[in-house]
């Protein structure tokens, strides 16, 4: 350029966002999160059901103990 016969050079940098990769990662994280949430909720629900069953069984056992005591008297 100009009178010195030097080549004109210009360097530009561009940052490219990998949106497809980011979208796939976000979707995978969302799916894993939903699956884990459903899994833990089902475990919690099962645990509550078992606790209710245990409580019911304990009350039945207590009733049977009372009946046996009355019968022995």
PDB file of N, CA and C in Angstrom:
ATOM      1  N   UNK A   1       0.847  -1.166   0.000  1.00  0.00           N
ATOM      2  CA  UNK A   1       0.000   0.000   0.000  1.00  0.00           C
ATOM      3  C   UNK A   1       0.894   1.231   0.000  1.00  0.00           C
ATOM      4  N   UNK A   2       0.421   2.252  -0.478  1.00  0.00           N
ATOM      5  CA  UNK A   2       1.210   3.483  -0.542  1.00  0.00           C
ATOM      6  C   UNK A   2       2.407   3.345  -1.459  1.00  0.00           C
ATOM      7  N   UNK A   3       3.451   4.103  -1.198  1.00  0.00           N
ATOM      8  CA  UNK A   3       4.643   4.140  -2.040  1.00  0.00           C
ATOM      9  C   UNK A   3       5.683   3.100  -1.662  1.00  0.00           C
ATOM     10  N   UNK A   4       5.543   2.451  -0.508  1.00  0.00           N
ATOM     11  CA  UNK A   4       6.572   1.525  -0.044  1.00  0.00           C
ATOM     12  C   UNK A   4       6.379   0.115  -0.599  1.00  0.00           C
ATOM     13  N   UNK A   5       5.367  -0.153  -1.355  1.00  0.00           N
ATOM     14  CA  UNK A   5       5.051  -1.467  -1.926  1.00  0.00           C
ATOM     15  C   UNK A   5       4.950  -2.561  -0.865  1.00  0.00           C
ATOM     16  N   UNK A   6       4.417  -2.204   0.279  1.00  0.00           N
ATOM     17  CA  UNK A   6       4.182  -3.191   1.334  1.00  0.00           C
ATOM     18  C   UNK A   6       2.793  -3.790   1.130  1.00  0.00           C
ATOM     19  N   UNK A   7       2.656  -5.073   1.360  1.00  0.00           N
ATOM     20  CA  UNK A   7       1.319  -5.668   1.209  1.00  0.00           C
ATOM     21  C   UNK A   7       0.410  -5.213   2.358  1.00  0.00           C
ATOM     22  N   UNK A   8      -0.820  -4.997   2.026  1.00  0.00           N
ATOM     23  CA  UNK A   8      -1.808  -4.593   3.023  1.00  0.00           C
ATOM     24  C   UNK A   8      -2.415  -5.858   3.628  1.00  0.00           C
ATOM     25  N   UNK A   9      -2.256  -6.027   4.918  1.00  0.00           N
ATOM     26  CA  UNK A   9      -2.822  -7.201   5.595  1.00  0.00           C
ATOM     27  C   UNK A   9      -3.715  -6.738   6.729  1.00  0.00           C
ATOM     28  N   UNK A  10      -4.704  -7.541   6.961  1.00  0.00           N
ATOM     29  CA  UNK A  10      -5.636  -7.248   8.052  1.00  0.00           C
ATOM     30  C   UNK A  10      -6.043  -8.574   8.681  1.00  0.00           C
ATOM     31  N   UNK A  11      -6.012  -8.619   9.976  1.00  0.00           N
ATOM     32  CA  UNK A  11      -6.397  -9.828  10.687  1.00  0.00           C
ATOM     33  C   UNK A  11      -7.646  -9.540  11.503  1.00  0.00           C
ATOM     34  N   UNK A  12      -8.623 -10.387  11.323  1.00  0.00           N
ATOM     35  CA  UNK A  12      -9.860 -10.257  12.105  1.00  0.00           C
ATOM     36  C   UNK A  12     -10.146 -11.602  12.746  1.00  0.00           C
ATOM     37  N   UNK A  13     -10.583 -11.551  13.972  1.00  0.00           N
ATOM     38  CA  UNK A  13     -10.947 -12.808  14.633  1.00  0.00           C
ATOM     39  C   UNK A  13     -12.451 -12.803  14.891  1.00  0.00           C
ATOM     40  N   UNK A  14     -13.019 -13.948  14.684  1.00  0.00           N
ATOM     41  CA  UNK A  14     -14.459 -14.107  14.870  1.00  0.00           C
ATOM     42  C   UNK A  14     -14.663 -15.288  15.800  1.00  0.00           C
ATOM     43  N   UNK A  15     -15.491 -15.079  16.796  1.00  0.00           N
ATOM     44  CA  UNK A  15     -15.801 -16.152  17.731  1.00  0.00           C
ATOM     45  C   UNK A  15     -17.107 -16.791  17.285  1.00  0.00           C
ATOM     46  N   UNK A  16     -17.071 -18.079  17.035  1.00  0.00           N
ATOM     47  CA  UNK A  16     -18.257 -18.796  16.568  1.00  0.00           C
ATOM     48  C   UNK A  16     -18.790 -19.626  17.724  1.00  0.00           C
ATOM     49  N   UNK A  17     -20.051 -19.410  18.058  1.00  0.00           N
ATOM     50  CA  UNK A  17     -20.680 -20.156  19.146  1.00  0.00           C
ATOM     51  C   UNK A  17     -21.217 -21.475  18.603  1.00  0.00           C
ATOM     52  N   UNK A  18     -20.804 -22.589  19.183  1.00  0.00           N
ATOM     53  CA  UNK A  18     -21.287 -23.898  18.707  1.00  0.00           C
ATOM     54  C   UNK A  18     -22.704 -24.174  19.230  1.00  0.00           C
ATOM     55  N   UNK A  19     -23.694 -23.549  18.615  1.00  0.00           N
ATOM     56  CA  UNK A  19     -25.060 -23.607  19.130  1.00  0.00           C
ATOM     57  C   UNK A  19     -25.652 -25.002  19.049  1.00  0.00           C
ATOM     58  N   UNK A  20     -25.305 -25.777  18.056  1.00  0.00           N
ATOM     59  CA  UNK A  20     -25.846 -27.140  17.971  1.00  0.00           C
ATOM     60  C   UNK A  20     -25.343 -27.997  19.133  1.00  0.00           C
ATOM     61  N   UNK A  21     -24.060 -27.902  19.387  1.00  0.00           N
ATOM     62  CA  UNK A  21     -23.481 -28.657  20.499  1.00  0.00           C
ATOM     63  C   UNK A  21     -24.071 -28.194  21.827  1.00  0.00           C
ATOM     64  N   UNK A  22     -24.194 -26.885  21.991  1.00  0.00           N
ATOM     65  CA  UNK A  22     -24.775 -26.347  23.226  1.00  0.00           C
ATOM     66  C   UNK A  22     -26.223 -26.797  23.382  1.00  0.00           C
ATOM     67  N   UNK A  23     -26.978 -26.797  22.300  1.00  0.00           N
ATOM     68  CA  UNK A  23     -28.372 -27.230  22.348  1.00  0.00           C
ATOM     69  C   UNK A  23     -28.475 -28.705  22.729  1.00  0.00           C
ATOM     70  N   UNK A  24     -27.624 -29.527  22.163  1.00  0.00           N
ATOM     71  CA  UNK A  24     -27.627 -30.957  22.488  1.00  0.00           C
ATOM     72  C   UNK A  24     -27.282 -31.170  23.956  1.00  0.00           C
ATOM     73  N   UNK A  25     -26.287 -30.447  24.450  1.00  0.00           N
ATOM     74  CA  UNK A  25     -25.899 -30.586  25.859  1.00  0.00           C
ATOM     75  C   UNK A  25     -27.032 -30.147  26.771  1.00  0.00           C
ATOM     76  N   UNK A  26     -27.679 -29.029  26.453  1.00  0.00           N
ATOM     77  CA  UNK A  26     -28.797 -28.543  27.274  1.00  0.00           C
ATOM     78  C   UNK A  26     -29.944 -29.543  27.265  1.00  0.00           C
ATOM     79  N   UNK A  27     -30.264 -30.085  26.103  1.00  0.00           N
ATOM     80  CA  UNK A  27     -31.347 -31.072  26.023  1.00  0.00           C
ATOM     81  C   UNK A  27     -31.004 -32.338  26.810  1.00  0.00           C
ATOM     82  N   UNK A  28     -29.773 -32.798  26.691  1.00  0.00           N
ATOM     83  CA  UNK A  28     -29.363 -33.986  27.441  1.00  0.00           C
ATOM     84  C   UNK A  28     -29.431 -33.746  28.947  1.00  0.00           C
ATOM     85  N   UNK A  29     -28.988 -32.584  29.390  1.00  0.00           N
ATOM     86  CA  UNK A  29     -29.063 -32.260  30.815  1.00  0.00           C
ATOM     87  C   UNK A  29     -30.509 -32.194  31.294  1.00  0.00           C
ATOM     88  N   UNK A  30     -31.384 -31.627  30.466  1.00  0.00           N
ATOM     89  CA  UNK A  30     -32.799 -31.550  30.837  1.00  0.00           C
ATOM     90  C   UNK A  30     -33.406 -32.943  30.931  1.00  0.00           C
ATOM     91  N   UNK A  31     -33.093 -33.807  29.977  1.00  0.00           N
ATOM     92  CA  UNK A  31     -33.637 -35.166  29.985  1.00  0.00           C
ATOM     93  C   UNK A  31     -33.121 -35.941  31.197  1.00  0.00           C
ATOM     94  N   UNK A  32     -31.831 -35.845  31.468  1.00  0.00           N
ATOM     95  CA  UNK A  32     -31.258 -36.541  32.627  1.00  0.00           C
ATOM     96  C   UNK A  32     -31.881 -36.021  33.912  1.00  0.00           C
ATOM     97  N   UNK A  33     -32.072 -34.718  33.993  1.00  0.00           N
ATOM     98  CA  UNK A  33     -32.688 -34.124  35.180  1.00  0.00           C
ATOM     99  C   UNK A  33     -34.107 -34.637  35.377  1.00  0.00           C
ATOM    100  N   UNK A  34     -34.888 -34.696  34.306  1.00  0.00           N
ATOM    101  CA  UNK A  34     -36.264 -35.190  34.412  1.00  0.00           C
ATOM    102  C   UNK A  34     -36.303 -36.664  34.805  1.00  0.00           C
ATOM    103  N   UNK A  35     -35.424 -37.457  34.221  1.00  0.00           N
ATOM    104  CA  UNK A  35     -35.388 -38.885  34.544  1.00  0.00           C
ATOM    105  C   UNK A  35     -35.006 -39.091  36.006  1.00  0.00           C
ATOM    106  N   UNK A  36     -33.993 -38.378  36.467  1.00  0.00           N
ATOM    107  CA  UNK A  36     -33.578 -38.515  37.865  1.00  0.00           C
ATOM    108  C   UNK A  36     -34.662 -38.041  38.822  1.00  0.00           C
ATOM    109  N   UNK A  37     -35.341 -36.949  38.481  1.00  0.00           N
ATOM    110  CA  UNK A  37     -36.417 -36.448  39.337  1.00  0.00           C
ATOM    111  C   UNK A  37     -37.542 -37.473  39.436  1.00  0.00           C
ATOM    112  N   UNK A  38     -37.922 -38.046  38.297  1.00  0.00           N
ATOM    113  CA  UNK A  38     -38.987 -39.052  38.306  1.00  0.00           C
ATOM    114  C   UNK A  38     -38.562 -40.283  39.109  1.00  0.00           C
ATOM    115  N   UNK A  39     -37.312 -40.688  38.965  1.00  0.00           N
ATOM    116  CA  UNK A  39     -36.797 -41.850  39.685  1.00  0.00           C
ATOM    117  C   UNK A  39     -36.840 -41.614  41.194  1.00  0.00           C
ATOM    118  N   UNK A  40     -36.334 -40.474  41.637  1.00  0.00           N
ATOM    119  CA  UNK A  40     -36.315 -40.191  43.071  1.00  0.00           C
ATOM    120  C   UNK A  40     -37.723 -40.000  43.622  1.00  0.00           C
ATOM    121  N   UNK A  41     -38.622 -39.412  42.822  1.00  0.00           N
ATOM    122  CA  UNK A  41     -40.011 -39.280  43.274  1.00  0.00           C
ATOM    123  C   UNK A  41     -40.668 -40.645  43.430  1.00  0.00           C
ATOM    124  N   UNK A  42     -40.380 -41.563  42.515  1.00  0.00           N
ATOM    125  CA  UNK A  42     -40.972 -42.899  42.631  1.00  0.00           C
ATOM    126  C   UNK A  42     -40.409 -43.634  43.846  1.00  0.00           C
ATOM    127  N   UNK A  43     -39.127 -43.448  44.116  1.00  0.00           N
ATOM    128  CA  UNK A  43     -38.536 -44.072  45.306  1.00  0.00           C
ATOM    129  C   UNK A  43     -39.180 -43.510  46.566  1.00  0.00           C
ATOM    130  N   UNK A  44     -39.366 -42.209  46.612  1.00  0.00           N
ATOM    131  CA  UNK A  44     -39.987 -41.571  47.772  1.00  0.00           C
ATOM    132  C   UNK A  44     -41.419 -42.053  47.949  1.00  0.00           C
ATOM    133  N   UNK A  45     -42.144 -42.160  46.843  1.00  0.00           N
ATOM    134  CA  UNK A  45     -43.529 -42.637  46.915  1.00  0.00           C
ATOM    135  C   UNK A  45     -43.577 -44.082  47.410  1.00  0.00           C
ATOM    136  N   UNK A  46     -42.683 -44.918  46.899  1.00  0.00           N
ATOM    137  CA  UNK A  46     -42.622 -46.304  47.353  1.00  0.00           C
ATOM    138  C   UNK A  46     -42.298 -46.390  48.841  1.00  0.00           C
ATOM    139  N   UNK A  47     -41.372 -45.554  49.275  1.00  0.00           N
ATOM    140  CA  UNK A  47     -40.998 -45.540  50.685  1.00  0.00           C
ATOM    141  C   UNK A  47     -42.190 -45.139  51.557  1.00  0.00           C
ATOM    142  N   UNK A  48     -42.943 -44.143  51.126  1.00  0.00           N
ATOM    143  CA  UNK A  48     -44.122 -43.721  51.887  1.00  0.00           C
ATOM    144  C   UNK A  48     -45.163 -44.834  51.944  1.00  0.00           C
ATOM    145  N   UNK A  49     -45.367 -45.511  50.829  1.00  0.00           N
ATOM    146  CA  UNK A  49     -46.321 -46.623  50.810  1.00  0.00           C
ATOM    147  C   UNK A  49     -45.887 -47.736  51.761  1.00  0.00           C
ATOM    148  N   UNK A  50     -44.599 -48.045  51.766  1.00  0.00           N
ATOM    149  CA  UNK A  50     -44.101 -49.081  52.666  1.00  0.00           C
ATOM    150  C   UNK A  50     -44.241 -48.663  54.125  1.00  0.00           C
ATOM    151  N   UNK A  51     -44.005 -47.398  54.415  1.00  0.00           N
ATOM    152  CA  UNK A  51     -44.178 -46.909  55.784  1.00  0.00           C
ATOM    153  C   UNK A  51     -45.638 -47.049  56.226  1.00  0.00           C
ATOM    154  N   UNK A  52     -46.563 -46.738  55.319  1.00  0.00           N
ATOM    155  CA  UNK A  52     -47.987 -46.886  55.639  1.00  0.00           C
ATOM    156  C   UNK A  52     -48.339 -48.352  55.882  1.00  0.00           C
ATOM    157  N   UNK A  53     -47.792 -49.238  55.049  1.00  0.00           N
ATOM    158  CA  UNK A  53     -48.038 -50.668  55.236  1.00  0.00           C
ATOM    159  C   UNK A  53     -47.481 -51.149  56.574  1.00  0.00           C
ATOM    160  N   UNK A  54     -46.294 -50.696  56.914  1.00  0.00           N
ATOM    161  CA  UNK A  54     -45.689 -51.085  58.191  1.00  0.00           C
ATOM    162  C   UNK A  54     -46.550 -50.599  59.347  1.00  0.00           C
ATOM    163  N   UNK A  55     -47.018 -49.371  59.261  1.00  0.00           N
ATOM    164  CA  UNK A  55     -47.869 -48.833  60.324  1.00  0.00           C
ATOM    165  C   UNK A  55     -49.153 -49.649  60.450  1.00  0.00           C
ATOM    166  N   UNK A  56     -49.726 -50.014  59.319  1.00  0.00           N
ATOM    167  CA  UNK A  56     -50.942 -50.833  59.328  1.00  0.00           C
ATOM    168  C   UNK A  56     -50.664 -52.201  59.965  1.00  0.00           C
ATOM    169  N   UNK A  57     -49.556 -52.809  59.577  1.00  0.00           N
ATOM    170  CA  UNK A  57     -49.188 -54.112  60.135  1.00  0.00           C
ATOM    171  C   UNK A  57     -48.952 -54.020  61.647  1.00  0.00           C
ATOM    172  N   UNK A  58     -48.312 -52.965  62.084  1.00  0.00           N
ATOM    173  CA  UNK A  58     -48.075 -52.785  63.522  1.00  0.00           C
ATOM    174  C   UNK A  58     -49.390 -52.659  64.284  1.00  0.00           C
ATOM    175  N   UNK A  59     -50.313 -51.915  63.713  1.00  0.00           N
ATOM    176  CA  UNK A  59     -51.607 -51.772  64.396  1.00  0.00           C
ATOM    177  C   UNK A  59     -52.342 -53.112  64.441  1.00  0.00           C
ATOM    178  N   UNK A  60     -52.237 -53.890  63.368  1.00  0.00           N
ATOM    179  CA  UNK A  60     -52.846 -55.227  63.362  1.00  0.00           C
ATOM    180  C   UNK A  60     -52.210 -56.119  64.426  1.00  0.00           C
ATOM    181  N   UNK A  61     -50.901 -56.073  64.521  1.00  0.00           N
ATOM    182  CA  UNK A  61     -50.188 -56.879  65.523  1.00  0.00           C
ATOM    183  C   UNK A  61     -50.619 -56.466  66.925  1.00  0.00           C
ATOM    184  N   UNK A  62     -50.729 -55.171  67.164  1.00  0.00           N
ATOM    185  CA  UNK A  62     -51.172 -54.695  68.479  1.00  0.00           C
ATOM    186  C   UNK A  62     -52.588 -55.180  68.791  1.00  0.00           C
ATOM    187  N   UNK A  63     -53.466 -55.154  67.804  1.00  0.00           N
ATOM    188  CA  UNK A  63     -54.832 -55.649  68.005  1.00  0.00           C
ATOM    189  C   UNK A  63     -54.826 -57.141  68.335  1.00  0.00           C
ATOM    190  N   UNK A  64     -54.015 -57.893  67.605  1.00  0.00           N
ATOM    191  CA  UNK A  64     -53.939 -59.331  67.854  1.00  0.00           C
ATOM    192  C   UNK A  64     -53.346 -59.626  69.230  1.00  0.00           C
ATOM    193  N   UNK A  65     -52.370 -58.842  69.648  1.00  0.00           N
ATOM    194  CA  UNK A  65     -51.810 -59.008  70.988  1.00  0.00           C
ATOM    195  C   UNK A  65     -52.882 -58.764  72.048  1.00  0.00           C
ATOM    196  N   UNK A  66     -53.666 -57.717  71.852  1.00  0.00           N
ATOM    197  CA  UNK A  66     -54.739 -57.414  72.802  1.00  0.00           C
ATOM    198  C   UNK A  66     -55.767 -58.543  72.844  1.00  0.00           C
ATOM    199  N   UNK A  67     -56.103 -59.067  71.671  1.00  0.00           N
ATOM    200  CA  UNK A  67     -57.069 -60.170  71.615  1.00  0.00           C
ATOM    201  C   UNK A  67     -56.518 -61.401  72.337  1.00  0.00           C
ATOM    202  N   UNK A  68     -55.252 -61.681  72.144  1.00  0.00           N
ATOM    203  CA  UNK A  68     -54.627 -62.831  72.787  1.00  0.00           C
ATOM    204  C   UNK A  68     -54.588 -62.650  74.310  1.00  0.00           C
ATOM    205  N   UNK A  69     -54.284 -61.457  74.769  1.00  0.00           N
ATOM    206  CA  UNK A  69     -54.270 -61.186  76.210  1.00  0.00           C
ATOM    207  C   UNK A  69     -55.658 -61.381  76.812  1.00  0.00           C
ATOM    208  N   UNK A  70     -56.676 -60.900  76.113  1.00  0.00           N
ATOM    209  CA  UNK A  70     -58.049 -61.049  76.605  1.00  0.00           C
ATOM    210  C   UNK A  70     -58.459 -62.516  76.636  1.00  0.00           C
ATOM    211  N   UNK A  71     -58.010 -63.247  75.638  1.00  0.00           N
ATOM    212  CA  UNK A  71     -58.355 -64.658  75.551  1.00  0.00           C
ATOM    213  C   UNK A  71     -57.688 -65.458  76.673  1.00  0.00           C
ATOM    214  N   UNK A  72     -56.474 -65.075  77.030  1.00  0.00           N
ATOM    215  CA  UNK A  72     -55.733 -65.791  78.069  1.00  0.00           C
ATOM    216  C   UNK A  72     -56.261 -65.472  79.466  1.00  0.00           C
ATOM    217  N   UNK A  73     -56.951 -64.387  79.638  1.00  0.00           N
ATOM    218  CA  UNK A  73     -57.458 -64.006  80.967  1.00  0.00           C
ATOM    219  C   UNK A  73     -58.672 -64.757  81.362  1.00  0.00           C
TER     220      UNK A  73
END
